Protein backbone atom coordinates (compact mmCIF):
# COMPACT_ATOMS: atom_id res chain seq x y z
CA MET A 1 20.13 0.22 47.68
CA ASN A 2 18.82 2.08 50.71
CA LYS A 3 15.38 0.53 51.02
CA ALA A 4 16.23 -0.68 54.53
CA ILE A 5 16.86 2.87 55.63
CA GLY A 6 13.71 4.27 54.01
CA VAL A 7 14.43 7.93 54.82
CA PRO A 8 12.38 10.25 52.58
CA ASN A 9 13.58 13.56 51.27
CA PRO A 10 12.61 16.09 53.96
CA SER A 11 12.38 18.92 51.43
CA VAL A 12 9.18 17.58 49.90
CA SER A 13 5.85 16.41 51.19
CA VAL A 14 5.96 12.65 50.88
CA VAL A 15 2.81 10.87 49.80
CA SER A 16 2.43 7.11 50.02
CA ASP A 17 -0.80 5.20 49.57
CA PRO A 18 -1.49 1.71 48.18
CA GLN A 19 -4.11 3.20 45.82
CA LEU A 20 -1.90 6.10 44.82
CA ALA A 21 -0.12 4.20 42.05
CA ASP A 22 -3.29 3.78 39.98
CA VAL A 23 -4.10 7.48 40.19
CA VAL A 24 -0.52 8.50 39.37
CA ALA A 25 -0.36 6.04 36.46
CA GLN A 26 -3.50 7.51 34.91
CA GLN A 27 -2.19 11.07 35.29
CA ILE A 28 1.22 10.12 33.85
CA GLU A 29 -0.43 8.50 30.83
CA ASN A 30 -2.60 11.57 30.18
CA LEU A 31 0.36 13.98 30.48
CA LEU A 32 2.66 11.86 28.30
CA SER A 33 -0.05 11.59 25.66
CA ILE A 34 0.02 15.38 25.20
CA GLY A 35 3.81 15.65 25.62
CA ASN A 36 3.78 17.59 28.90
CA TYR A 37 7.01 16.10 30.32
CA ASP A 38 7.68 18.88 32.84
CA ALA A 39 4.31 18.23 34.47
CA VAL A 40 5.20 14.54 34.80
CA LYS A 41 8.41 15.45 36.65
CA MET A 42 6.49 17.72 39.02
CA LEU A 43 3.85 15.07 39.54
CA LEU A 44 6.40 12.43 40.55
CA GLN A 45 8.48 14.67 42.83
CA PRO A 46 6.53 14.04 46.09
CA VAL A 47 5.79 10.36 45.32
CA GLN A 48 7.69 7.55 47.02
CA PRO A 49 9.91 5.37 44.75
CA VAL A 50 7.87 2.23 45.43
CA ASP A 51 4.68 4.01 44.30
CA ILE A 52 6.44 5.39 41.23
CA ALA A 53 7.58 1.87 40.35
CA GLU A 54 4.05 0.52 40.66
CA ALA A 55 2.67 3.39 38.60
CA ILE A 56 5.21 2.85 35.82
CA GLY A 57 4.46 -0.87 35.84
CA SER A 58 0.77 -0.07 35.28
CA LEU A 59 1.47 2.05 32.19
CA PRO A 60 1.18 0.74 28.63
CA LEU A 61 4.54 -0.49 27.30
CA VAL A 62 4.96 2.52 25.04
CA PHE A 63 4.85 4.91 28.03
CA GLN A 64 6.96 2.91 30.52
CA ALA A 65 10.36 3.86 29.07
CA MET A 66 9.24 7.47 28.53
CA ALA A 67 8.20 7.89 32.17
CA PHE A 68 11.32 6.15 33.45
CA ARG A 69 13.63 8.45 31.45
CA LEU A 70 12.08 11.49 33.14
CA LEU A 71 13.44 10.39 36.53
CA SER A 72 16.73 11.70 37.84
CA LYS A 73 19.66 9.27 37.85
CA ASP A 74 19.55 8.52 41.57
CA GLU A 75 15.78 8.24 41.60
CA ALA A 76 15.78 6.00 38.53
CA ILE A 77 18.16 3.54 40.20
CA GLU A 78 16.02 3.33 43.34
CA VAL A 79 12.76 3.05 41.40
CA TYR A 80 14.19 0.36 39.13
CA GLU A 81 14.89 -1.91 42.10
CA TYR A 82 11.21 -1.81 43.05
CA LEU A 83 9.92 -2.65 39.57
CA ASP A 84 8.38 -6.01 38.73
CA PRO A 85 10.96 -8.32 37.05
CA LEU A 86 8.96 -8.35 33.81
CA VAL A 87 8.93 -4.54 33.70
CA GLN A 88 12.67 -4.47 34.46
CA GLN A 89 13.35 -6.72 31.50
CA SER A 90 11.06 -4.67 29.27
CA LEU A 91 12.92 -1.46 30.16
CA LEU A 92 16.28 -3.11 29.47
CA ASP A 93 15.05 -3.87 25.95
CA ARG A 94 13.87 -0.30 25.39
CA LEU A 95 16.64 1.75 26.97
CA ARG A 96 19.83 2.55 25.12
CA SER A 97 22.88 0.38 25.82
CA GLY A 98 24.64 3.16 27.75
CA GLU A 99 21.60 3.80 29.94
CA VAL A 100 21.24 0.10 30.70
CA LEU A 101 24.89 -0.28 31.68
CA GLU A 102 24.79 2.78 33.95
CA LEU A 103 21.60 1.53 35.58
CA VAL A 104 22.94 -1.98 36.23
CA GLU A 105 26.31 -0.64 37.39
CA GLU A 106 24.70 1.55 40.06
CA MET A 107 22.33 -1.10 41.41
CA SER A 108 23.10 -2.70 44.76
CA PRO A 109 24.77 -6.11 44.29
CA ASP A 110 21.93 -8.17 45.76
CA GLU A 111 19.31 -6.44 43.61
CA ARG A 112 21.54 -6.83 40.55
CA VAL A 113 21.81 -10.56 41.19
CA ARG A 114 18.02 -10.86 41.46
CA LEU A 115 17.68 -9.09 38.14
CA PHE A 116 20.24 -11.40 36.55
CA ASP A 117 18.32 -14.41 37.84
CA GLU A 118 15.37 -13.25 35.73
CA LEU A 119 17.32 -12.48 32.55
CA PRO A 120 18.40 -14.92 29.81
CA ALA A 121 21.91 -16.31 30.32
CA LYS A 122 23.16 -14.64 27.13
CA VAL A 123 22.09 -11.20 28.36
CA VAL A 124 23.63 -11.82 31.80
CA ARG A 125 26.99 -12.75 30.28
CA ARG A 126 26.99 -9.59 28.17
CA LEU A 127 26.09 -7.34 31.09
CA LEU A 128 28.71 -8.99 33.33
CA THR A 129 31.48 -8.28 30.83
CA GLU A 130 30.44 -4.61 30.65
CA LEU A 131 30.44 -4.04 34.43
CA SER A 132 33.39 -2.42 36.15
CA PRO A 133 35.94 -4.94 37.54
CA SER A 134 34.90 -4.35 41.16
CA GLU A 135 31.16 -4.72 40.49
CA ARG A 136 31.78 -7.71 38.22
CA LYS A 137 33.74 -9.45 40.97
CA VAL A 138 31.06 -8.85 43.61
CA THR A 139 28.25 -9.94 41.30
CA ALA A 140 30.06 -13.09 40.21
CA GLN A 141 30.69 -13.95 43.85
CA LEU A 142 26.98 -13.72 44.74
CA LEU A 143 25.95 -15.64 41.61
CA GLY A 144 28.31 -18.40 42.71
CA TYR A 145 26.19 -19.24 45.74
CA GLN A 146 23.26 -21.62 45.51
CA SER A 147 19.84 -20.18 44.82
CA GLU A 148 17.62 -19.46 47.84
CA THR A 149 20.50 -19.38 50.31
CA ALA A 150 21.86 -16.59 52.49
CA GLY A 151 24.85 -16.22 50.16
CA ARG A 152 22.59 -15.50 47.19
CA LEU A 153 20.35 -13.21 49.23
CA MET A 154 22.99 -11.15 51.02
CA THR A 155 24.62 -7.87 50.10
CA PRO A 156 28.36 -7.31 50.60
CA GLU A 157 27.73 -3.64 51.38
CA PHE A 158 28.14 -3.26 55.15
CA ILE A 159 30.33 -1.38 57.63
CA ASP A 160 32.91 -3.36 59.56
CA LEU A 161 35.05 -1.93 62.35
CA LYS A 162 38.05 -3.09 64.40
CA GLU A 163 38.22 -3.59 68.13
CA PHE A 164 41.09 -1.13 68.47
CA HIS A 165 39.09 1.72 66.87
CA SER A 166 37.88 4.39 69.25
CA ALA A 167 34.23 5.44 69.14
CA ALA A 168 35.25 8.74 67.53
CA GLN A 169 37.24 6.93 64.82
CA ALA A 170 34.36 4.54 64.22
CA LEU A 171 31.89 7.42 63.74
CA THR A 172 34.21 8.93 61.16
CA ILE A 173 34.30 5.60 59.30
CA VAL A 174 30.51 5.34 59.42
CA ARG A 175 30.07 8.85 58.01
CA ARG A 176 32.51 8.14 55.20
CA ARG A 177 31.07 4.78 54.16
CA ALA A 178 27.36 5.38 54.82
CA PRO A 179 26.44 6.61 51.29
CA GLU A 180 27.41 3.31 49.64
CA THR A 181 26.29 1.00 52.46
CA GLU A 182 23.05 -0.98 52.68
CA THR A 183 22.33 -0.05 56.31
CA ILE A 184 24.27 1.69 59.07
CA TYR A 185 22.06 0.72 62.00
CA SER A 186 23.99 -2.50 62.65
CA LEU A 187 27.80 -2.32 62.71
CA TYR A 188 30.05 -5.36 62.67
CA VAL A 189 33.48 -5.91 64.20
CA THR A 190 36.07 -8.12 62.52
CA ASP A 191 39.69 -9.07 63.18
CA ARG A 192 42.59 -8.83 60.74
CA GLU A 193 41.45 -12.02 58.93
CA ARG A 194 37.87 -10.61 58.69
CA HIS A 195 36.53 -13.13 61.23
CA LEU A 196 33.35 -11.82 62.86
CA THR A 197 34.11 -11.05 66.50
CA GLY A 198 31.35 -8.68 67.60
CA ILE A 199 28.45 -6.38 66.79
CA LEU A 200 27.13 -3.05 68.00
CA SER A 201 24.27 -0.80 67.04
CA LEU A 202 24.55 2.76 65.84
CA ARG A 203 22.86 3.77 69.09
CA ASP A 204 25.64 2.07 71.09
CA LEU A 205 28.26 3.87 69.05
CA VAL A 206 26.66 7.33 69.29
CA THR A 207 26.11 7.10 73.06
CA ALA A 208 29.61 5.74 73.79
CA ASP A 209 32.36 8.02 75.07
CA PRO A 210 34.50 9.20 72.11
CA GLU A 211 37.58 7.66 73.73
CA ASP A 212 35.98 4.24 74.37
CA LEU A 213 37.37 1.38 72.30
CA ILE A 214 34.97 -0.58 70.08
CA GLY A 215 36.15 -3.79 71.75
CA ASP A 216 34.81 -2.49 75.07
CA VAL A 217 31.33 -1.45 73.88
CA MET A 218 30.53 -4.16 71.34
CA THR A 219 28.58 -7.37 71.98
CA ARG A 220 30.62 -10.53 71.47
CA ASP A 221 27.68 -12.95 71.38
CA VAL A 222 26.76 -12.58 67.71
CA VAL A 223 23.95 -14.43 65.96
CA SER A 224 24.96 -15.13 62.38
CA VAL A 225 24.05 -17.39 59.46
CA ARG A 226 26.27 -19.18 56.97
CA THR A 227 26.35 -18.61 53.25
CA ASP A 228 24.66 -21.98 52.65
CA THR A 229 21.83 -21.37 55.14
CA ASP A 230 18.40 -21.69 53.52
CA GLN A 231 16.64 -18.36 53.03
CA GLU A 232 13.69 -19.48 55.16
CA GLU A 233 16.06 -20.09 58.08
CA VAL A 234 17.49 -16.62 57.56
CA ALA A 235 13.99 -15.13 57.69
CA ARG A 236 13.24 -17.01 60.91
CA ALA A 237 16.46 -15.75 62.51
CA ILE A 238 15.63 -12.12 61.72
CA GLN A 239 12.06 -12.59 62.95
CA ARG A 240 13.13 -14.41 66.13
CA TYR A 241 15.70 -11.81 67.22
CA ASP A 242 13.98 -8.71 65.77
CA PHE A 243 17.04 -7.86 63.69
CA LEU A 244 17.27 -5.15 61.05
CA ALA A 245 20.02 -7.25 59.47
CA VAL A 246 21.80 -10.53 60.15
CA PRO A 247 25.50 -11.10 59.34
CA VAL A 248 26.49 -13.85 56.90
CA VAL A 249 29.76 -15.75 57.40
CA ASP A 250 31.55 -18.32 55.26
CA LEU A 251 32.78 -21.74 56.37
CA GLU A 252 35.80 -20.12 58.06
CA GLN A 253 33.62 -17.64 59.99
CA ARG A 254 34.74 -14.69 57.87
CA LEU A 255 32.15 -11.96 57.46
CA VAL A 256 31.13 -11.81 53.79
CA GLY A 257 27.81 -9.97 53.81
CA ILE A 258 24.53 -9.15 55.54
CA VAL A 259 20.88 -9.93 54.87
CA THR A 260 18.55 -7.02 55.65
CA VAL A 261 14.97 -7.16 56.86
CA ASP A 262 13.58 -5.75 53.58
CA ASP A 263 15.11 -8.68 51.69
CA VAL A 264 13.59 -11.09 54.20
CA ILE A 265 10.14 -9.61 53.63
CA ASP A 266 10.51 -10.53 49.96
CA VAL A 267 11.50 -14.07 50.98
CA ILE A 268 8.49 -14.43 53.28
CA GLU A 269 6.18 -13.31 50.50
CA GLN A 270 7.79 -15.71 48.04
CA GLU A 271 7.60 -18.68 50.41
CA ALA A 272 4.03 -17.89 51.45
CA THR A 273 2.98 -17.70 47.79
CA ARG A 274 4.69 -21.01 47.08
CA ASP A 275 2.95 -22.71 50.04
CA LEU A 276 -0.44 -21.32 49.04
CA TYR A 277 -0.04 -22.60 45.49
CA ALA A 278 1.04 -26.00 46.81
CA ALA A 279 -1.91 -26.10 49.22
CA GLY A 280 -4.22 -25.56 46.27
CA ALA A 281 -2.47 -28.26 44.21
CA VAL A 282 -1.21 -25.68 41.73
CA GLN A 283 2.27 -26.17 40.33
CA ALA A 284 3.38 -22.55 39.95
CA GLY A 285 6.74 -21.12 38.96
CA ASP A 286 8.54 -18.89 41.44
CA GLU A 287 9.86 -16.47 38.86
CA ASP A 288 6.70 -15.69 36.94
CA ASP A 289 3.68 -13.75 38.03
CA TYR A 290 0.98 -16.41 37.85
CA PHE A 291 -1.62 -13.97 36.55
CA GLN A 292 0.68 -12.75 33.78
CA SER A 293 1.52 -16.24 32.57
CA ASN A 294 0.27 -17.66 29.29
CA LEU A 295 -3.02 -19.56 29.69
CA PHE A 296 -1.49 -22.71 28.26
CA ILE A 297 1.29 -22.51 30.87
CA VAL A 298 -1.34 -22.02 33.57
CA ALA A 299 -3.24 -25.09 32.37
CA ARG A 300 -0.05 -27.16 32.17
CA ARG A 301 0.87 -26.29 35.75
CA ARG A 302 -2.53 -27.23 37.11
CA VAL A 303 -3.25 -30.32 35.02
CA VAL A 304 -0.48 -32.39 36.63
CA TRP A 305 -2.08 -32.47 40.07
CA LEU A 306 -5.59 -32.63 38.62
CA ALA A 307 -4.65 -35.73 36.63
CA VAL A 308 -3.32 -37.39 39.78
CA LEU A 309 -6.48 -36.47 41.69
CA VAL A 310 -8.74 -37.75 38.89
CA LEU A 311 -6.95 -41.10 38.92
CA ALA A 312 -7.19 -41.24 42.71
CA ASN A 313 -10.90 -40.44 42.60
CA GLY A 314 -11.25 -43.37 40.23
CA LEU A 315 -10.67 -45.54 43.30
CA THR A 316 -13.82 -44.05 44.83
CA THR A 317 -15.79 -45.16 41.79
CA GLN A 318 -14.29 -48.62 42.09
CA VAL A 319 -15.21 -48.86 45.80
CA ILE A 320 -18.84 -47.90 45.03
CA ALA A 321 -18.99 -50.44 42.20
CA MET A 322 -17.69 -53.19 44.50
CA ASN A 323 -20.47 -52.48 47.00
CA ASP A 324 -23.34 -52.22 44.55
CA VAL A 325 -25.28 -55.00 46.32
CA VAL A 326 -25.87 -53.01 49.49
CA LEU A 327 -26.69 -49.88 47.49
CA LYS A 328 -29.27 -51.77 45.42
CA GLU A 329 -30.91 -53.07 48.57
CA VAL A 330 -30.91 -49.70 50.39
CA VAL A 331 -30.79 -47.02 47.71
CA LEU A 332 -31.04 -44.19 50.27
CA LEU A 333 -27.50 -44.99 51.43
CA ALA A 334 -26.20 -43.29 48.28
CA ALA A 335 -27.79 -39.98 49.29
CA PHE A 336 -25.43 -39.59 52.27
CA ILE A 337 -22.18 -40.36 50.43
CA PRO A 338 -21.54 -36.69 49.44
CA LEU A 339 -22.20 -35.56 53.04
CA LEU A 340 -19.73 -38.03 54.53
CA ILE A 341 -16.88 -37.61 52.07
CA GLY A 342 -17.34 -33.83 52.04
CA THR A 343 -17.10 -33.73 55.82
CA GLY A 344 -14.03 -35.97 55.82
CA GLY A 345 -12.32 -33.89 53.17
CA ASN A 346 -13.00 -30.65 55.03
CA VAL A 347 -11.75 -32.00 58.37
CA GLY A 348 -8.61 -33.42 56.72
CA ALA A 349 -7.94 -30.14 54.92
CA GLN A 350 -8.29 -28.22 58.20
CA SER A 351 -5.84 -30.51 59.99
CA SER A 352 -3.29 -30.42 57.18
CA THR A 353 -3.50 -26.63 57.03
CA VAL A 354 -2.81 -26.08 60.73
CA VAL A 355 0.02 -28.65 60.75
CA ILE A 356 1.69 -27.25 57.63
CA ARG A 357 1.46 -23.76 59.11
CA GLY A 358 2.87 -25.04 62.40
CA LEU A 359 5.82 -26.58 60.55
CA SER A 360 6.39 -23.35 58.64
CA THR A 361 6.51 -21.27 61.84
CA GLN A 362 8.31 -24.06 63.76
CA ARG A 363 5.77 -23.80 66.57
CA ILE A 364 4.78 -27.43 66.23
CA GLN A 365 8.23 -28.54 67.44
CA ALA A 366 7.37 -27.47 70.99
CA LEU A 367 4.40 -29.85 71.00
CA GLY A 368 6.12 -32.76 69.21
CA PRO A 369 4.95 -34.68 66.09
CA MET A 370 3.21 -37.52 67.92
CA LYS A 371 1.33 -35.22 70.27
CA ALA A 372 0.33 -33.05 67.33
CA VAL A 373 -1.15 -36.04 65.48
CA GLY A 374 -2.89 -37.25 68.64
CA ARG A 375 -4.31 -33.80 69.28
CA GLU A 376 -5.76 -33.61 65.77
CA ALA A 377 -7.16 -37.15 66.03
CA ILE A 378 -9.02 -36.22 69.22
CA ALA A 379 -10.21 -33.00 67.59
CA GLY A 380 -11.55 -35.04 64.64
CA ALA A 381 -13.41 -37.36 66.99
CA LEU A 382 -14.93 -34.42 68.86
CA LEU A 383 -16.04 -32.87 65.57
CA GLY A 384 -17.64 -36.14 64.61
CA LEU A 385 -19.53 -36.29 67.91
CA LEU A 386 -20.79 -32.73 67.49
CA MET A 387 -22.06 -33.43 63.99
CA LEU A 388 -23.75 -36.66 65.09
CA VAL A 389 -26.30 -34.59 67.00
CA VAL A 390 -27.67 -33.15 63.75
CA VAL A 391 -26.85 -35.76 61.11
CA VAL A 392 -27.90 -39.02 62.76
CA PRO A 393 -31.51 -37.99 63.67
CA PHE A 394 -31.99 -36.68 60.14
CA ALA A 395 -30.56 -39.89 58.59
CA TRP A 396 -32.69 -42.03 60.93
CA TRP A 397 -35.80 -40.10 59.91
CA ARG A 398 -35.04 -40.21 56.19
CA GLY A 399 -34.12 -43.88 56.30
CA GLU A 400 -37.33 -44.78 58.16
CA GLY A 401 -35.36 -47.06 60.45
CA PRO A 402 -32.08 -47.61 62.24
CA LEU A 403 -29.97 -48.93 59.35
CA VAL A 404 -29.11 -45.70 57.52
CA GLY A 405 -28.87 -43.60 60.68
CA THR A 406 -26.59 -46.09 62.41
CA ALA A 407 -24.38 -46.52 59.32
CA VAL A 408 -24.08 -42.75 58.91
CA GLY A 409 -23.31 -42.21 62.61
CA ILE A 410 -20.60 -44.88 62.87
CA SER A 411 -19.06 -43.83 59.56
CA LEU A 412 -19.11 -40.13 60.42
CA MET A 413 -17.15 -40.72 63.63
CA ALA A 414 -14.63 -42.97 61.88
CA ILE A 415 -14.20 -40.68 58.88
CA THR A 416 -13.65 -37.44 60.84
CA THR A 417 -11.16 -39.16 63.16
CA LEU A 418 -9.30 -40.78 60.26
CA ALA A 419 -9.31 -37.58 58.18
CA ALA A 420 -7.93 -35.46 61.02
CA THR A 421 -5.26 -38.05 61.77
CA ALA A 422 -4.20 -38.34 58.12
CA GLY A 423 -4.31 -34.58 57.61
CA ALA A 424 -1.85 -34.14 60.48
CA ALA A 425 0.34 -37.20 59.94
CA LEU A 426 1.00 -37.00 56.20
CA PRO A 427 2.57 -33.48 56.18
CA LEU A 428 4.70 -34.47 59.18
CA MET A 429 5.83 -37.60 57.37
CA LEU A 430 6.83 -35.59 54.29
CA ASP A 431 8.71 -33.12 56.47
CA ARG A 432 10.60 -35.96 58.18
CA MET A 433 11.54 -37.34 54.73
CA GLY A 434 12.97 -33.95 53.73
CA PHE A 435 10.18 -32.90 51.35
CA ASP A 436 8.07 -29.76 51.45
CA PRO A 437 5.06 -30.58 53.71
CA ALA A 438 2.90 -28.23 51.62
CA LEU A 439 3.00 -30.88 48.89
CA MET A 440 0.49 -32.79 51.03
CA SER A 441 -2.11 -30.30 49.88
CA ALA A 442 -5.76 -30.05 50.82
CA PRO A 443 -7.00 -31.53 47.49
CA PHE A 444 -4.77 -34.56 47.99
CA ILE A 445 -5.95 -35.08 51.57
CA THR A 446 -9.56 -34.64 50.42
CA THR A 447 -9.20 -37.24 47.68
CA ALA A 448 -7.57 -39.75 50.02
CA THR A 449 -10.32 -39.34 52.62
CA ASP A 450 -12.96 -39.64 49.88
CA VAL A 451 -11.77 -43.13 49.01
CA ALA A 452 -11.38 -44.23 52.64
CA GLY A 453 -14.68 -42.61 53.66
CA VAL A 454 -16.76 -44.34 50.99
CA LEU A 455 -15.15 -47.68 51.82
CA ILE A 456 -15.81 -47.28 55.56
CA TYR A 457 -19.41 -46.16 54.99
CA LEU A 458 -20.44 -48.90 52.57
CA ARG A 459 -18.65 -51.67 54.48
CA THR A 460 -20.31 -50.49 57.68
CA ALA A 461 -23.71 -50.46 56.01
CA SER A 462 -23.10 -53.92 54.53
CA TRP A 463 -22.12 -55.32 57.95
CA LEU A 464 -25.17 -53.77 59.61
CA LEU A 465 -27.44 -55.12 56.87
CA GLU A 466 -26.07 -58.64 57.26
CA HIS A 467 -26.37 -58.37 61.04
CA MET A 468 -29.97 -57.20 60.82
CA HIS A 469 -30.83 -60.00 58.41
CA GLY A 470 -29.26 -62.48 60.82
CA LEU A 471 -31.39 -61.18 63.66
CA ALA A 472 -34.48 -61.40 61.51
CA LEU A 473 -33.80 -65.05 60.85
């Protein structure tokens, strides 16, 4: 795979546009319908592989295999790696056994492993036995690492040099091995036992004197990750140091692979999607496209959290029922319940969102957990004060007296402060316990603050009512 390099063919005019795939797909379908295969080949010639992949994925199933077969061998391999996993599986079912084997054999190891992760175990075992011994060994090695780690994400296709190589010798090695290597922009230096000892860029190598030794021009301070490093940590390392690739070492510090920036982009998208689903209290699978899933599967994923939230909201009903005396005496109190719990839920959701994002980017560590919670608590109190200016006069006017306005004002301050504190503290608590902080989603925070907000409001109103009755006596 050479996606990290991304060098287009200079002999053609390259066209790339996010909306291009839809146009190309429609033209491909029209041409295939009338059997004009040569026109399809000409149409696809100036189009980037990623756009071809998206166009093929948009075609009806009957045309997908037809369009794919019109690609040259090299182009087909590159386009296949960009295809959606569901389209990849569909093509495997429709292509002849020999075509499938050749396609899988020529894929880069990391992309092959991702494909195998999507396929049924029976199909994976069959394809593994049909691979060449060298490719089978590499694929089995990557499959042996835990999912979502650097070992599973990496590719073993990299260029390693020795310290005793001259710059001229190293350039010869790079030229010879470049065609089958993931990226040549970062070059790694290893000793006789393949321990990682240094790194240099292609720029460093090209600008070095031909007689200089690699050991003299390389950098010995190398940032690396281990095979068991979580993929999110790998993404952060590449982002932090602006790497095109990061080396992966085993427990004995032997260089076993590299993770490239294009693979990290996929990880970031996957993790962001997972966090967004969690924030919306949607239990979504990582492998499936949510919008292509069966409706019953969609409902099953969402009903789990909804059932929990319904049960939790039952506590709100119970709190209201327990305070029916004060509501019967001052019916207007009920009119402000939606305003208060809605405000509390929104403030809590805002706090949980910024804290979860801060944990994801690791920027909250500089502030510290306790300071972060305190900061959000103060922010909640300030928000409550700002809203008092509008809400309390209106509640005072509607209630034709101080009772409702005072109850709403005190409760609003307490609820916004409590909601902001809980919205910040609960994700941090989950993170400290080793769980995903995104599990403390906005709907959960909202439900919790609903219960607490109604209780605070009605108990405050009840206390004020008793106090006012005492004064009257």
